[in-house]
Amino acid sequence: MDRAHKLSDIRSNGSPAFRLKATFSFIGKDLDKVEGTYSEVWVSSSQWWRETVVNGQRRVEVGGPNRHWLIDKTIDFPDIARRLSDLLNVFPSSTSKFEFDSINLDSAGMKIAECAITKPDSRGNKYAFCFDDQSGALLEKAAPEIRPKNTTTFSCVYGVFRRFGDFQFPREVSCFEEKHRKIDAKIVELSLEPSPDAELFKPPPGASERIECLGKKTAPFAQSRPDATYPRDRAGIGGAVVLLLVVDRDGKPQELKVVQSVGKDFDDHALAAVGRWKFRPGTCDAEPIPMEISVEIDFHPRY
């Protein structure tokens, strides 16, 4: 992992400021192809700006020391597009610690790779990282996605590595959930940004503030989660409503928002149910902090 960081981590401490632009596409809920753009200006881990645009809707994040601010007044903004900044950041958080259990030869994309598998965590979940057998570049990562009712595997494959300063950075990424393709992205610009506009990094008026955890982080856990009731007169209809929310320091859900809709009736019932959930709050170095999470509520068709 250390070798891969040195080769490709353009966001490592002391790296030069850069501007990155990417295009991406995925299949929407109506099986239509959805396209969007992602832009980022990065100076350091405590000074960055990101913008994601899909279907004319704009989501902006600004990072500062131990804080970041979010402007997201979108309606039904696709959850997979919301996650794009993490997907394009090849490496896991610097605070993530892994104990590796085994190394296997495998294939990642079109290359032979050495895949390092972690020991199971407290919930029995494993992570995998596959590195190019020759260069040492990180070609693929796979992580468990913990849902209210199950756990799936989410993986991303990185390819078309090109030089950027002292680094070799991938220009293409494809991500999958249980081997089903979720999103493809292509970096169309990656350039040095020696004089970034200082206005980009000011907290936007009306933005929601989030705390950045630089220590040991634990995610919120739903201790009580009443089921959502099935809407009346909607027989034969079903699907998954995805909500974005903030769990506050007291474990209460706040700022609930639909990011994947099945229809207003289902959305309202999902919002009402999750609004009654009680959480064990997320923590940073054992101290409770507000933390943003997503929740998926499945409505199975009834006849």
Foldseek 3Di string as FASTA:
>chain_A
DVLQCQAAQCADPPHFWKKWKKKKWFQDPVRHIWIWMKIKTDHHQAFIKIWIATPNAIKIKAGHVQKIWIDHPDALAAPVSVCVVVQQRPDDDPQDDFAWDDWDWDDFPHAIWIKTKTQQDPVGWIKIWTAGPPSRHTAKIKGWDDAPVDIWIKMKGFDDFDDDPSHTYGQKMWMDINNHTGMIMGIPDMGGDNDDDPVSNDHDPPIDMFGHFPHDKDAKDFPDFDAQDDDPPPAPFWDKWKWKFKQALQQATHPIHTNHDRDDRRNVSVCVRNNPIGINAMDHVPHGGIDMDMHMHTDDGHD
